[in-house]
Amino acid sequence: MTSTTRPSRATTVLIAAAALCATTATTAHAAHPAGADRRPPKIVTEWARAWNGTDPQALGALFTGDGTYTDLAVGVTFRGRQEIAGWKARADSLIDNVHVTVRATHREGDRVTVDAVYSGHLKGAPKPFAVPMTTLLDLDGNRCRITSDEDHYSLGTVLAQSGLPADWTPPGN
């Protein structure tokens, strides 16, 4: 006769509770990463709305008078509301359906990190693109205006998805 020991009911309940807690913690972490805001700050919503809209001045208006906008993929920096609005106007003239989809945000002090998808269709390109983008927004002391914007995405991936050669440059450059 073989002897088997069965765990006590209390032990079984504790093991089940521990497994449930581990599963719940993993699910909660995946749905809302640590430090991620469930709703984007108002300035991020306005920033995405300005990019998705057709009025270039709406983007410029979100910045302080001496704010900067840096597109690291293209290697350009614009200073002040007018230059930033001009960058949006140029993007609209080169890209049909420019769109930013905010996926997650993280705010620490006056800095907001935006995880997004940048998409559109370069005029004359055979296909549209949709690439991951991370944007760092530094805000003024009241957190109502942007002092600095840095966009991080892969220009090579934009061109490849668009069906364009890696050395493609926009008309007029």
Protein backbone atom coordinates (compact mmCIF):
# COMPACT_ATOMS: atom_id res chain seq x y z
CA MET A 1 0.00 0.00 0.00
CA THR A 2 1.36 3.37 -1.01
CA SER A 3 0.98 6.28 1.34
CA THR A 4 0.20 9.71 -0.10
CA THR A 5 -0.02 12.94 1.75
CA ARG A 6 -2.55 15.46 0.73
CA PRO A 7 -2.00 19.15 1.38
CA SER A 8 -4.33 20.58 3.96
CA ARG A 9 -7.27 22.65 2.82
CA ALA A 10 -5.55 25.77 4.20
CA THR A 11 -2.43 25.06 2.14
CA THR A 12 -4.52 24.55 -1.03
CA VAL A 13 -6.36 27.85 -0.44
CA LEU A 14 -3.06 29.71 0.14
CA ILE A 15 -1.51 28.29 -3.06
CA ALA A 16 -4.61 29.24 -5.07
CA ALA A 17 -4.66 32.74 -3.57
CA ALA A 18 -0.97 33.23 -4.37
CA ALA A 19 -1.51 32.08 -7.97
CA LEU A 20 -4.49 34.42 -8.34
CA CYS A 21 -2.49 37.36 -6.96
CA ALA A 22 0.40 36.65 -9.31
CA THR A 23 -1.95 36.48 -12.31
CA THR A 24 -3.75 39.69 -11.32
CA ALA A 25 -0.47 41.56 -10.80
CA THR A 26 0.85 40.42 -14.19
CA THR A 27 -2.38 41.43 -15.95
CA ALA A 28 -2.51 44.83 -14.24
CA HIS A 29 1.11 45.49 -15.12
CA ALA A 30 0.55 44.62 -18.79
CA ALA A 31 -2.57 46.78 -19.06
CA HIS A 32 -1.09 49.81 -17.28
CA PRO A 33 2.70 49.79 -17.05
CA ALA A 34 4.18 51.30 -13.91
CA GLY A 35 4.09 55.09 -14.13
CA ALA A 36 1.83 55.12 -17.18
CA ASP A 37 -1.08 57.52 -17.00
CA ARG A 38 -4.45 56.00 -17.84
CA ARG A 39 -5.59 59.22 -19.54
CA PRO A 40 -3.11 61.42 -21.34
CA PRO A 41 -2.49 64.87 -19.88
CA LYS A 42 -4.57 67.59 -21.55
CA ILE A 43 -1.53 69.04 -23.32
CA VAL A 44 -0.86 65.64 -24.97
CA THR A 45 -4.46 65.39 -26.16
CA GLU A 46 -4.21 68.92 -27.60
CA TRP A 47 -0.81 68.12 -29.20
CA ALA A 48 -2.22 65.01 -30.94
CA ARG A 49 -5.35 66.92 -32.01
CA ALA A 50 -3.15 69.66 -33.51
CA TRP A 51 -1.08 67.11 -35.45
CA ASN A 52 -4.23 65.38 -36.65
CA GLY A 53 -5.90 68.66 -37.64
CA THR A 54 -5.40 70.93 -40.61
CA ASP A 55 -4.54 74.24 -38.88
CA PRO A 56 -0.74 74.54 -38.49
CA GLN A 57 -1.19 77.46 -36.06
CA ALA A 58 -2.92 75.10 -33.61
CA LEU A 59 0.36 73.21 -33.11
CA GLY A 60 2.43 76.37 -32.74
CA ALA A 61 -0.02 77.77 -30.17
CA LEU A 62 0.73 74.88 -27.79
CA PHE A 63 4.34 76.05 -27.33
CA THR A 64 5.89 78.81 -25.28
CA GLY A 65 7.14 81.78 -27.31
CA ASP A 66 10.68 80.38 -27.28
CA GLY A 67 9.67 76.71 -27.44
CA THR A 68 11.58 74.24 -29.62
CA TYR A 69 10.45 71.36 -31.80
CA THR A 70 13.07 68.80 -32.81
CA ASP A 71 12.41 66.04 -35.32
CA LEU A 72 15.42 63.81 -34.72
CA ALA A 73 14.66 61.49 -37.65
CA VAL A 74 14.90 64.36 -40.12
CA GLY A 75 17.53 66.26 -38.12
CA VAL A 76 15.78 69.62 -37.82
CA THR A 77 14.90 71.94 -34.95
CA PHE A 78 12.40 74.78 -35.06
CA ARG A 79 12.21 77.63 -32.56
CA GLY A 80 9.16 79.65 -31.65
CA ARG A 81 5.51 79.31 -32.51
CA GLN A 82 5.76 80.51 -36.12
CA GLU A 83 8.59 78.14 -37.09
CA ILE A 84 6.79 75.24 -35.39
CA ALA A 85 3.54 76.08 -37.21
CA GLY A 86 5.60 76.25 -40.42
CA TRP A 87 6.92 72.73 -39.77
CA LYS A 88 3.36 71.43 -39.41
CA ALA A 89 2.38 73.20 -42.65
CA ARG A 90 5.37 71.62 -44.43
CA ALA A 91 4.45 68.17 -43.07
CA ASP A 92 0.88 68.64 -44.32
CA SER A 93 2.15 69.62 -47.77
CA LEU A 94 4.33 66.47 -48.01
CA ILE A 95 2.20 63.89 -46.19
CA ASP A 96 -1.45 63.08 -46.78
CA ASN A 97 -3.45 62.10 -43.69
CA VAL A 98 -0.71 62.90 -41.16
CA HIS A 99 -1.88 61.25 -37.97
CA VAL A 100 -0.57 60.70 -34.45
CA THR A 101 -2.21 58.01 -32.31
CA VAL A 102 -1.26 58.24 -28.64
CA ARG A 103 -0.86 54.77 -27.13
CA ALA A 104 0.47 55.62 -23.66
CA THR A 105 1.93 58.49 -21.67
CA HIS A 106 4.16 58.81 -18.65
CA ARG A 107 4.58 62.07 -16.75
CA GLU A 108 7.33 62.81 -14.32
CA GLY A 109 7.42 66.40 -13.12
CA ASP A 110 7.36 68.72 -16.13
CA ARG A 111 8.29 65.98 -18.65
CA VAL A 112 5.80 63.81 -20.50
CA THR A 113 6.90 60.79 -22.52
CA VAL A 114 4.43 59.90 -25.27
CA ASP A 115 4.35 56.46 -26.87
CA ALA A 116 2.56 56.90 -30.20
CA VAL A 117 2.11 55.73 -33.77
CA TYR A 118 2.99 58.26 -36.47
CA SER A 119 1.26 57.57 -39.78
CA GLY A 120 0.40 59.05 -43.14
CA HIS A 121 1.06 58.73 -46.85
CA LEU A 122 4.04 60.54 -48.35
CA LYS A 123 2.80 62.23 -51.52
CA GLY A 124 3.94 60.23 -54.53
CA ALA A 125 4.84 57.16 -52.47
CA PRO A 126 3.28 53.83 -53.43
CA LYS A 127 2.16 52.96 -49.87
CA PRO A 128 1.26 54.64 -46.57
CA PHE A 129 3.36 54.28 -43.41
CA ALA A 130 2.64 53.74 -39.71
CA VAL A 131 5.69 53.71 -37.41
CA PRO A 132 6.21 53.72 -33.66
CA MET A 133 7.25 57.08 -32.26
CA THR A 134 8.33 58.29 -28.86
CA THR A 135 7.99 61.98 -28.11
CA LEU A 136 9.47 63.79 -25.13
CA LEU A 137 7.51 66.89 -24.16
CA ASP A 138 8.98 69.31 -21.62
CA LEU A 139 6.34 71.64 -20.18
CA ASP A 140 6.43 75.08 -18.62
CA GLY A 141 6.01 75.45 -14.85
CA ASN A 142 2.21 75.53 -15.17
CA ARG A 143 2.24 72.44 -17.44
CA CYS A 144 0.02 74.22 -19.94
CA ARG A 145 2.55 75.02 -22.70
CA ILE A 146 5.30 72.96 -24.33
CA THR A 147 8.85 74.30 -23.96
CA SER A 148 10.50 71.46 -25.90
CA ASP A 149 9.33 68.62 -28.14
CA GLU A 150 11.65 65.84 -29.33
CA ASP A 151 10.24 63.30 -31.77
CA HIS A 152 12.03 59.94 -32.00
CA TYR A 153 11.10 57.60 -34.88
CA SER A 154 12.87 55.84 -37.74
CA LEU A 155 12.95 57.74 -41.03
CA GLY A 156 14.36 54.60 -42.66
CA THR A 157 11.27 52.66 -41.57
CA VAL A 158 8.96 55.44 -42.86
CA LEU A 159 10.68 55.29 -46.27
CA ALA A 160 10.76 51.49 -46.39
CA GLN A 161 7.07 51.17 -45.49
CA SER A 162 6.27 53.87 -48.05
CA GLY A 163 8.06 51.92 -50.79
CA LEU A 164 10.67 54.65 -51.28
CA PRO A 165 14.46 54.31 -51.50
CA ALA A 166 16.53 55.07 -48.39
CA ASP A 167 18.06 58.14 -50.07
CA TRP A 168 14.69 59.71 -51.01
CA THR A 169 14.33 63.39 -50.23
CA PRO A 170 11.17 65.47 -50.42
CA PRO A 171 10.66 67.68 -53.46
CA GLY A 172 12.30 71.06 -53.04
CA ASN A 173 15.17 69.80 -50.83
